[in-house]
Amino acid sequence: MTARPVSSANLASSVFHSRSLLPSGPPESAVVAGDVVCVSGNGYVYALRMRDGRKLWQFGDGTRPWFPAAITRGTVYVSGNDGKLYALRASNGAGIWRFATGGDIASACTFAQGIVYLGSNDHNVYALRADDGQKVWSFATGAQVSASPTLVDGVAYVGGTDGNVYALRA
């Protein structure tokens, strides 16, 4: 399979450039939901309007790295080295809830059937209710968990820095 170039004429109405938002380096991976694009960089998470790149809101204090956001059902989930997972409204960035772990969170979370899954450098994998952030369960691993969980057929797979891969019934 070969990738085919797309003519800029075909994209002219939907392409934008927002370099001025991230003056000190490249952004993390972008995630999209509806007409909102979220990127992190320069100590903030930014929500941009997809059609023109206009900044809708930003989250953070500019001092800590934020890891790739995840979006589902109108909620943006962001984590960072402050040890918390934040749920924010995609439309305006308003806080919905936050969940504190005992260590940095160095990866994006994953979703399935109303549950958010994430790993933490406190050696745990967590399952939280997406609507209110309440802990459903946690599993203690042998080391820091800085990888994003992957869910397949009701099982959450995640690697730890101890070299193990954990398969947890989601």
N, C-alpha and C. Protein backbone atom coordinates (compact mmCIF):
# COMPACT_ATOMS: atom_id res chain seq x y z
N MET A 1 0.85 -1.17 0.00
CA MET A 1 0.00 0.00 0.00
C MET A 1 0.89 1.23 0.00
N THR A 2 0.55 2.18 -0.84
CA THR A 2 1.33 3.40 -0.97
C THR A 2 0.47 4.59 -0.56
N ALA A 3 1.06 5.49 0.19
CA ALA A 3 0.34 6.71 0.57
C ALA A 3 0.25 7.62 -0.64
N ARG A 4 -0.88 8.25 -0.81
CA ARG A 4 -1.08 9.18 -1.92
C ARG A 4 -1.10 10.60 -1.40
N PRO A 5 -0.36 11.48 -2.08
CA PRO A 5 -0.38 12.87 -1.64
C PRO A 5 -1.75 13.49 -1.88
N VAL A 6 -2.11 14.41 -1.03
CA VAL A 6 -3.36 15.13 -1.17
C VAL A 6 -3.03 16.54 -1.62
N SER A 7 -3.70 17.00 -2.61
CA SER A 7 -3.48 18.34 -3.14
C SER A 7 -3.84 19.37 -2.08
N SER A 8 -3.00 20.38 -1.93
CA SER A 8 -3.32 21.45 -0.97
C SER A 8 -4.58 22.19 -1.38
N ALA A 9 -4.92 22.14 -2.67
CA ALA A 9 -6.17 22.78 -3.10
C ALA A 9 -7.37 22.09 -2.49
N ASN A 10 -7.27 20.77 -2.28
CA ASN A 10 -8.38 20.03 -1.67
C ASN A 10 -8.54 20.34 -0.19
N LEU A 11 -7.48 20.78 0.45
CA LEU A 11 -7.50 21.00 1.90
C LEU A 11 -7.49 22.47 2.28
N ALA A 12 -7.41 23.36 1.33
CA ALA A 12 -7.20 24.78 1.62
C ALA A 12 -8.18 25.35 2.63
N SER A 13 -9.41 24.89 2.64
CA SER A 13 -10.38 25.46 3.57
C SER A 13 -10.30 24.84 4.96
N SER A 14 -9.53 23.75 5.14
CA SER A 14 -9.52 23.10 6.45
C SER A 14 -8.15 23.05 7.10
N VAL A 15 -7.13 23.57 6.45
CA VAL A 15 -5.78 23.53 7.01
C VAL A 15 -5.48 24.86 7.70
N PHE A 16 -4.82 24.76 8.85
CA PHE A 16 -4.42 25.97 9.55
C PHE A 16 -3.03 25.77 10.12
N HIS A 17 -2.42 26.85 10.53
CA HIS A 17 -1.08 26.83 11.10
C HIS A 17 -1.14 27.57 12.43
N SER A 18 -0.73 26.90 13.51
CA SER A 18 -0.85 27.54 14.83
C SER A 18 0.48 27.51 15.58
N ARG A 19 1.57 27.69 14.90
CA ARG A 19 2.90 27.65 15.51
C ARG A 19 3.04 28.64 16.65
N SER A 20 2.38 29.75 16.59
CA SER A 20 2.54 30.78 17.61
C SER A 20 2.08 30.32 18.99
N LEU A 21 1.26 29.27 19.08
CA LEU A 21 0.83 28.76 20.37
C LEU A 21 1.95 28.00 21.09
N LEU A 22 2.86 27.42 20.33
CA LEU A 22 3.87 26.53 20.90
C LEU A 22 5.27 27.04 20.56
N PRO A 23 5.67 28.16 21.12
CA PRO A 23 6.93 28.78 20.71
C PRO A 23 8.18 28.03 21.14
N SER A 24 8.12 27.15 22.12
CA SER A 24 9.35 26.55 22.63
C SER A 24 9.57 25.11 22.20
N GLY A 25 8.77 24.58 21.31
CA GLY A 25 9.02 23.22 20.87
C GLY A 25 7.82 22.59 20.23
N PRO A 26 8.00 21.38 19.74
CA PRO A 26 6.91 20.72 19.03
C PRO A 26 5.83 20.23 19.99
N PRO A 27 4.60 20.16 19.51
CA PRO A 27 3.51 19.65 20.34
C PRO A 27 3.55 18.14 20.45
N GLU A 28 2.86 17.62 21.45
CA GLU A 28 2.64 16.18 21.55
C GLU A 28 1.60 15.79 20.50
N SER A 29 1.25 14.54 20.44
CA SER A 29 0.26 14.06 19.49
C SER A 29 -1.05 14.82 19.63
N ALA A 30 -1.67 15.06 18.50
CA ALA A 30 -2.97 15.73 18.49
C ALA A 30 -4.07 14.69 18.59
N VAL A 31 -5.16 15.04 19.27
CA VAL A 31 -6.35 14.20 19.33
C VAL A 31 -7.54 15.06 18.92
N VAL A 32 -8.53 14.42 18.31
CA VAL A 32 -9.65 15.15 17.73
C VAL A 32 -10.96 14.54 18.21
N ALA A 33 -11.91 15.40 18.51
CA ALA A 33 -13.29 14.98 18.80
C ALA A 33 -14.21 16.07 18.28
N GLY A 34 -15.12 15.67 17.41
CA GLY A 34 -16.03 16.66 16.84
C GLY A 34 -15.24 17.70 16.10
N ASP A 35 -15.39 18.97 16.47
CA ASP A 35 -14.66 20.03 15.80
C ASP A 35 -13.56 20.63 16.69
N VAL A 36 -13.05 19.84 17.66
CA VAL A 36 -12.00 20.29 18.57
C VAL A 36 -10.76 19.43 18.39
N VAL A 37 -9.60 20.09 18.27
CA VAL A 37 -8.30 19.43 18.20
C VAL A 37 -7.55 19.81 19.47
N CYS A 38 -7.03 18.83 20.22
CA CYS A 38 -6.24 19.13 21.42
C CYS A 38 -4.80 18.70 21.21
N VAL A 39 -3.89 19.58 21.59
CA VAL A 39 -2.45 19.28 21.57
C VAL A 39 -1.86 19.78 22.88
N SER A 40 -0.74 19.19 23.27
CA SER A 40 -0.05 19.68 24.46
C SER A 40 1.36 20.09 24.06
N GLY A 41 1.87 21.05 24.77
CA GLY A 41 3.21 21.55 24.53
C GLY A 41 3.41 22.85 25.27
N ASN A 42 4.66 23.19 25.52
CA ASN A 42 4.98 24.46 26.16
C ASN A 42 4.33 24.58 27.54
N GLY A 43 4.08 23.44 28.21
CA GLY A 43 3.51 23.46 29.55
C GLY A 43 2.01 23.63 29.61
N TYR A 44 1.32 23.52 28.47
CA TYR A 44 -0.13 23.69 28.41
C TYR A 44 -0.76 22.61 27.53
N VAL A 45 -2.06 22.45 27.71
CA VAL A 45 -2.87 21.71 26.75
C VAL A 45 -3.73 22.75 26.06
N TYR A 46 -3.77 22.71 24.74
CA TYR A 46 -4.54 23.67 23.95
C TYR A 46 -5.67 22.96 23.24
N ALA A 47 -6.83 23.59 23.20
CA ALA A 47 -7.95 23.13 22.38
C ALA A 47 -8.12 24.13 21.25
N LEU A 48 -8.10 23.62 20.03
CA LEU A 48 -8.20 24.47 18.85
C LEU A 48 -9.45 24.11 18.07
N ARG A 49 -10.06 25.09 17.47
CA ARG A 49 -11.20 24.83 16.59
C ARG A 49 -10.65 24.25 15.29
N MET A 50 -11.19 23.10 14.89
CA MET A 50 -10.63 22.38 13.76
C MET A 50 -10.67 23.17 12.46
N ARG A 51 -11.72 23.90 12.21
CA ARG A 51 -11.87 24.52 10.89
C ARG A 51 -10.90 25.67 10.63
N ASP A 52 -10.41 26.33 11.71
CA ASP A 52 -9.53 27.47 11.46
C ASP A 52 -8.36 27.59 12.44
N GLY A 53 -8.25 26.68 13.41
CA GLY A 53 -7.13 26.73 14.35
C GLY A 53 -7.27 27.74 15.47
N ARG A 54 -8.40 28.40 15.57
CA ARG A 54 -8.60 29.39 16.64
C ARG A 54 -8.53 28.69 18.00
N LYS A 55 -7.77 29.28 18.92
CA LYS A 55 -7.65 28.71 20.26
C LYS A 55 -8.96 28.89 21.00
N LEU A 56 -9.52 27.78 21.47
CA LEU A 56 -10.76 27.81 22.24
C LEU A 56 -10.46 27.97 23.73
N TRP A 57 -9.45 27.24 24.21
CA TRP A 57 -9.05 27.34 25.61
C TRP A 57 -7.68 26.71 25.78
N GLN A 58 -7.08 26.96 26.94
CA GLN A 58 -5.83 26.29 27.30
C GLN A 58 -5.90 25.88 28.76
N PHE A 59 -5.14 24.85 29.10
CA PHE A 59 -5.13 24.32 30.45
C PHE A 59 -3.69 24.11 30.87
N GLY A 60 -3.38 24.47 32.10
CA GLY A 60 -2.04 24.27 32.65
C GLY A 60 -1.46 25.56 33.15
N ASP A 61 -0.28 25.44 33.74
CA ASP A 61 0.37 26.62 34.31
C ASP A 61 1.70 26.96 33.63
N GLY A 62 2.03 26.22 32.56
CA GLY A 62 3.24 26.50 31.81
C GLY A 62 4.51 25.94 32.42
N THR A 63 4.40 25.25 33.55
CA THR A 63 5.61 24.77 34.22
C THR A 63 5.83 23.27 34.12
N ARG A 64 4.81 22.50 33.83
CA ARG A 64 4.99 21.05 33.81
C ARG A 64 4.58 20.48 32.46
N PRO A 65 5.19 19.37 32.08
CA PRO A 65 4.76 18.75 30.83
C PRO A 65 3.40 18.08 30.99
N TRP A 66 2.61 18.14 29.94
CA TRP A 66 1.33 17.46 29.89
C TRP A 66 1.44 16.41 28.79
N PHE A 67 0.89 15.27 29.03
CA PHE A 67 1.03 14.17 28.10
C PHE A 67 -0.15 14.13 27.16
N PRO A 68 -0.03 13.38 26.06
CA PRO A 68 -1.09 13.42 25.05
C PRO A 68 -2.47 13.28 25.67
N ALA A 69 -3.34 14.15 25.25
CA ALA A 69 -4.72 14.13 25.73
C ALA A 69 -5.48 12.99 25.08
N ALA A 70 -6.60 12.66 25.66
CA ALA A 70 -7.53 11.70 25.07
C ALA A 70 -8.91 12.33 25.18
N ILE A 71 -9.74 12.10 24.18
CA ILE A 71 -11.07 12.71 24.15
C ILE A 71 -12.12 11.64 23.88
N THR A 72 -13.19 11.68 24.64
CA THR A 72 -14.35 10.83 24.37
C THR A 72 -15.59 11.51 24.92
N ARG A 73 -16.68 11.41 24.21
CA ARG A 73 -17.98 11.91 24.64
C ARG A 73 -17.94 13.33 25.20
N GLY A 74 -17.22 14.22 24.50
CA GLY A 74 -17.18 15.62 24.90
C GLY A 74 -16.31 15.94 26.10
N THR A 75 -15.49 14.99 26.53
CA THR A 75 -14.59 15.21 27.66
C THR A 75 -13.16 14.98 27.23
N VAL A 76 -12.27 15.89 27.63
CA VAL A 76 -10.84 15.78 27.37
C VAL A 76 -10.18 15.31 28.66
N TYR A 77 -9.36 14.27 28.58
CA TYR A 77 -8.63 13.76 29.74
C TYR A 77 -7.16 14.05 29.53
N VAL A 78 -6.55 14.76 30.50
CA VAL A 78 -5.13 15.09 30.41
C VAL A 78 -4.44 14.69 31.71
N SER A 79 -3.20 14.28 31.55
CA SER A 79 -2.40 13.90 32.72
C SER A 79 -1.03 14.54 32.60
N GLY A 80 -0.35 14.62 33.73
CA GLY A 80 0.96 15.23 33.71
C GLY A 80 1.80 14.78 34.88
N ASN A 81 2.93 15.43 35.03
CA ASN A 81 3.83 15.02 36.09
C ASN A 81 3.44 15.57 37.45
N ASP A 82 2.20 16.03 37.58
CA ASP A 82 1.70 16.41 38.91
C ASP A 82 0.95 15.23 39.55
N GLY A 83 0.90 14.08 38.86
CA GLY A 83 0.28 12.89 39.44
C GLY A 83 -1.24 12.87 39.37
N LYS A 84 -1.84 13.73 38.57
CA LYS A 84 -3.30 13.79 38.50
C LYS A 84 -3.79 13.57 37.07
N LEU A 85 -4.97 12.97 36.97
CA LEU A 85 -5.69 12.89 35.71
C LEU A 85 -6.83 13.89 35.82
N TYR A 86 -6.96 14.77 34.82
CA TYR A 86 -8.00 15.79 34.80
C TYR A 86 -9.00 15.48 33.71
N ALA A 87 -10.29 15.63 34.02
CA ALA A 87 -11.36 15.55 33.04
C ALA A 87 -11.88 16.96 32.82
N LEU A 88 -11.85 17.41 31.56
CA LEU A 88 -12.23 18.78 31.20
C LEU A 88 -13.28 18.74 30.11
N ARG A 89 -14.18 19.72 30.11
CA ARG A 89 -15.17 19.82 29.03
C ARG A 89 -14.45 20.24 27.74
N ALA A 90 -14.66 19.47 26.68
CA ALA A 90 -13.99 19.77 25.40
C ALA A 90 -14.41 21.13 24.87
N SER A 91 -15.64 21.53 25.13
CA SER A 91 -16.15 22.79 24.57
C SER A 91 -15.52 24.04 25.17
N ASN A 92 -15.17 24.00 26.48
CA ASN A 92 -14.68 25.22 27.12
C ASN A 92 -13.53 25.02 28.11
N GLY A 93 -13.07 23.78 28.32
CA GLY A 93 -11.95 23.52 29.23
C GLY A 93 -12.30 23.52 30.70
N ALA A 94 -13.58 23.66 31.03
CA ALA A 94 -13.99 23.67 32.45
C ALA A 94 -13.70 22.32 33.09
N GLY A 95 -13.23 22.35 34.32
CA GLY A 95 -12.93 21.11 35.05
C GLY A 95 -14.19 20.36 35.43
N ILE A 96 -14.18 19.05 35.23
CA ILE A 96 -15.29 18.19 35.63
C ILE A 96 -14.90 17.43 36.89
N TRP A 97 -13.73 16.79 36.87
CA TRP A 97 -13.19 16.09 38.03
C TRP A 97 -11.69 15.90 37.85
N ARG A 98 -11.03 15.51 38.95
CA ARG A 98 -9.62 15.13 38.87
C ARG A 98 -9.39 13.97 39.82
N PHE A 99 -8.42 13.15 39.46
CA PHE A 99 -8.08 11.98 40.27
C PHE A 99 -6.58 12.01 40.52
N ALA A 100 -6.18 11.91 41.79
CA ALA A 100 -4.77 11.96 42.16
C ALA A 100 -4.23 10.55 42.37
N THR A 101 -3.09 10.29 41.75
CA THR A 101 -2.35 9.05 42.00
C THR A 101 -1.19 9.40 42.93
N GLY A 102 -0.41 8.43 43.28
CA GLY A 102 0.73 8.68 44.15
C GLY A 102 2.02 8.96 43.42
N GLY A 103 1.97 9.16 42.10
CA GLY A 103 3.17 9.42 41.31
C GLY A 103 2.82 10.08 40.00
N ASP A 104 3.84 10.49 39.26
CA ASP A 104 3.61 11.11 37.96
C ASP A 104 2.82 10.18 37.05
N ILE A 105 2.07 10.77 36.14
CA ILE A 105 1.38 10.02 35.10
C ILE A 105 2.05 10.42 33.79
N ALA A 106 2.77 9.49 33.18
CA ALA A 106 3.59 9.81 32.02
C ALA A 106 3.06 9.22 30.73
N SER A 107 1.75 9.03 30.64
CA SER A 107 1.18 8.47 29.42
C SER A 107 -0.28 8.90 29.30
N ALA A 108 -0.84 8.61 28.15
CA ALA A 108 -2.26 8.91 27.93
C ALA A 108 -3.11 7.78 28.50
N CYS A 109 -4.34 8.09 28.78
CA CYS A 109 -5.27 7.07 29.27
C CYS A 109 -6.00 6.42 28.10
N THR A 110 -6.77 5.37 28.41
CA THR A 110 -7.53 4.62 27.42
C THR A 110 -8.95 4.45 27.94
N PHE A 111 -9.92 4.28 27.05
CA PHE A 111 -11.33 4.17 27.44
C PHE A 111 -11.95 2.89 26.95
N ALA A 112 -12.94 2.43 27.69
CA ALA A 112 -13.82 1.34 27.22
C ALA A 112 -15.05 1.32 28.12
N GLN A 113 -16.21 1.36 27.52
CA GLN A 113 -17.48 1.19 28.21
C GLN A 113 -17.61 2.02 29.49
N GLY A 114 -17.30 3.31 29.38
CA GLY A 114 -17.48 4.22 30.50
C GLY A 114 -16.40 4.16 31.56
N ILE A 115 -15.30 3.48 31.28
CA ILE A 115 -14.19 3.36 32.23
C ILE A 115 -12.93 3.94 31.59
N VAL A 116 -12.17 4.69 32.38
CA VAL A 116 -10.88 5.25 31.97
C VAL A 116 -9.79 4.41 32.63
N TYR A 117 -8.81 3.98 31.83
CA TYR A 117 -7.69 3.17 32.33
C TYR A 117 -6.41 3.97 32.19
N LEU A 118 -5.57 3.96 33.23
CA LEU A 118 -4.30 4.66 33.17
C LEU A 118 -3.27 4.01 34.07
N GLY A 119 -2.03 4.22 33.72
CA GLY A 119 -0.92 3.76 34.55
C GLY A 119 -0.28 4.95 35.23
N SER A 120 0.42 4.69 36.33
CA SER A 120 1.07 5.77 37.09
C SER A 120 2.45 5.31 37.53
N ASN A 121 3.31 6.27 37.75
CA ASN A 121 4.63 5.95 38.27
C ASN A 121 4.60 5.59 39.75
N ASP A 122 3.41 5.51 40.35
CA ASP A 122 3.27 5.01 41.72
C ASP A 122 3.15 3.47 41.72
N HIS A 123 3.41 2.85 40.54
CA HIS A 123 3.42 1.38 40.38
C HIS A 123 2.02 0.80 40.24
N ASN A 124 1.03 1.60 39.93
CA ASN A 124 -0.34 1.10 39.82
C ASN A 124 -0.95 1.36 38.46
N VAL A 125 -1.90 0.48 38.11
CA VAL A 125 -2.79 0.69 36.99
C VAL A 125 -4.16 0.95 37.60
N TYR A 126 -4.86 1.96 37.08
CA TYR A 126 -6.15 2.36 37.64
C TYR A 126 -7.26 2.22 36.61
N ALA A 127 -8.45 1.90 37.10
CA ALA A 127 -9.69 1.95 36.31
C ALA A 127 -10.61 2.92 37.04
N LEU A 128 -11.05 3.97 36.33
CA LEU A 128 -11.88 5.02 36.92
C LEU A 128 -13.17 5.16 36.13
N ARG A 129 -14.24 5.51 36.81
CA ARG A 129 -15.48 5.82 36.09
C ARG A 129 -15.28 7.12 35.33
N ALA A 130 -15.57 7.10 34.04
CA ALA A 130 -15.33 8.27 33.20
C ALA A 130 -16.21 9.45 33.58
N ASP A 131 -17.41 9.21 34.07
CA ASP A 131 -18.32 10.32 34.35
C ASP A 131 -17.98 11.10 35.62
N ASP A 132 -17.38 10.43 36.63
CA ASP A 132 -17.11 11.15 37.88
C ASP A 132 -15.71 10.91 38.47
N GLY A 133 -14.88 10.10 37.82
CA GLY A 133 -13.51 9.88 38.29
C GLY A 133 -13.37 8.96 39.49
N GLN A 134 -14.44 8.32 39.92
CA GLN A 134 -14.36 7.41 41.06
C GLN A 134 -13.59 6.15 40.67
N LYS A 135 -12.72 5.70 41.58
CA LYS A 135 -11.91 4.51 41.32
C LYS A 135 -12.78 3.26 41.33
N VAL A 136 -12.68 2.46 40.28
CA VAL A 136 -13.36 1.18 40.19
C VAL A 136 -12.45 0.11 40.76
N TRP A 137 -11.17 0.13 40.35
CA TRP A 137 -10.16 -0.76 40.89
C TRP A 137 -8.77 -0.22 40.60
N SER A 138 -7.79 -0.76 41.29
CA SER A 138 -6.39 -0.49 40.97
C SER A 138 -5.63 -1.80 41.11
N PHE A 139 -4.52 -1.88 40.40
CA PHE A 139 -3.68 -3.08 40.44
C PHE A 139 -2.25 -2.64 40.64
N ALA A 140 -1.60 -3.17 41.68
CA ALA A 140 -0.21 -2.84 41.97
C ALA A 140 0.71 -3.71 41.12
N THR A 141 1.62 -3.05 40.38
CA THR A 141 2.60 -3.75 39.57
C THR A 141 3.93 -3.76 40.32
N GLY A 142 4.96 -4.25 39.68
CA GLY A 142 6.27 -4.30 40.32
C GLY A 142 7.12 -3.07 40.09
N ALA A 143 6.61 -2.10 39.31
CA ALA A 143 7.44 -0.93 38.99
C ALA A 143 6.55 0.18 38.42
N GLN A 144 7.20 1.26 38.02
CA GLN A 144 6.48 2.37 37.42
C GLN A 144 5.76 1.92 36.16
N VAL A 145 4.60 2.53 35.92
CA VAL A 145 3.82 2.24 34.72
C VAL A 145 3.74 3.53 33.91
N SER A 146 4.58 3.63 32.90
CA SER A 146 4.60 4.85 32.09
C SER A 146 4.10 4.60 30.67
N ALA A 147 3.49 3.45 30.45
CA ALA A 147 2.91 3.13 29.15
C ALA A 147 1.40 3.28 29.21
N SER A 148 0.81 3.58 28.07
CA SER A 148 -0.66 3.67 27.99
C SER A 148 -1.25 2.27 27.88
N PRO A 149 -2.30 1.98 28.64
CA PRO A 149 -2.95 0.67 28.50
C PRO A 149 -3.60 0.52 27.14
N THR A 150 -3.63 -0.70 26.65
CA THR A 150 -4.36 -1.05 25.43
C THR A 150 -5.42 -2.06 25.81
N LEU A 151 -6.65 -1.83 25.34
CA LEU A 151 -7.76 -2.74 25.68
C LEU A 151 -8.16 -3.57 24.48
N VAL A 152 -8.26 -4.88 24.71
CA VAL A 152 -8.70 -5.81 23.68
C VAL A 152 -9.56 -6.87 24.34
N ASP A 153 -10.79 -7.03 23.84
CA ASP A 153 -11.68 -8.10 24.32
C ASP A 153 -11.81 -8.15 25.84
N GLY A 154 -11.96 -6.99 26.47
CA GLY A 154 -12.18 -6.93 27.90
C GLY A 154 -10.94 -7.11 28.76
N VAL A 155 -9.77 -7.01 28.15
CA VAL A 155 -8.51 -7.13 28.90
C VAL A 155 -7.67 -5.89 28.64
N ALA A 156 -7.14 -5.30 29.72
CA ALA A 156 -6.24 -4.15 29.63
C ALA A 156 -4.80 -4.67 29.67
N TYR A 157 -4.04 -4.39 28.62
CA TYR A 157 -2.64 -4.78 28.55
C TYR A 157 -1.79 -3.54 28.77
N VAL A 158 -0.82 -3.66 29.68
CA VAL A 158 0.05 -2.51 29.95
C VAL A 158 1.42 -3.02 30.39
N GLY A 159 2.45 -2.33 29.94
CA GLY A 159 3.82 -2.70 30.32
C GLY A 159 4.31 -1.83 31.45
N GLY A 160 5.12 -2.44 32.31
CA GLY A 160 5.75 -1.71 33.41
C GLY A 160 7.24 -1.58 33.16
N THR A 161 7.89 -0.69 33.88
CA THR A 161 9.33 -0.52 33.72
C THR A 161 10.11 -1.67 34.33
N ASP A 162 9.40 -2.65 34.94
CA ASP A 162 10.05 -3.86 35.44
C ASP A 162 10.22 -4.90 34.33
N GLY A 163 9.79 -4.57 33.10
CA GLY A 163 9.94 -5.49 31.99
C GLY A 163 8.75 -6.44 31.82
N ASN A 164 7.77 -6.34 32.68
CA ASN A 164 6.59 -7.21 32.58
C ASN A 164 5.48 -6.54 31.79
N VAL A 165 4.68 -7.38 31.15
CA VAL A 165 3.43 -6.94 30.54
C VAL A 165 2.31 -7.52 31.39
N TYR A 166 1.41 -6.67 31.81
CA TYR A 166 0.31 -7.08 32.67
C TYR A 166 -0.96 -7.15 31.85
N ALA A 167 -1.71 -8.24 31.99
CA ALA A 167 -3.01 -8.42 31.35
C ALA A 167 -4.04 -8.43 32.46
N LEU A 168 -4.85 -7.39 32.50
CA LEU A 168 -5.80 -7.19 33.60
C LEU A 168 -7.23 -7.21 33.07
N ARG A 169 -8.08 -7.99 33.69
CA ARG A 169 -9.48 -8.03 33.26
C ARG A 169 -10.08 -6.65 33.46
N ALA A 170 -10.52 -6.07 32.35
CA ALA A 170 -11.04 -4.72 32.40
C ALA A 170 -12.44 -4.74 32.97
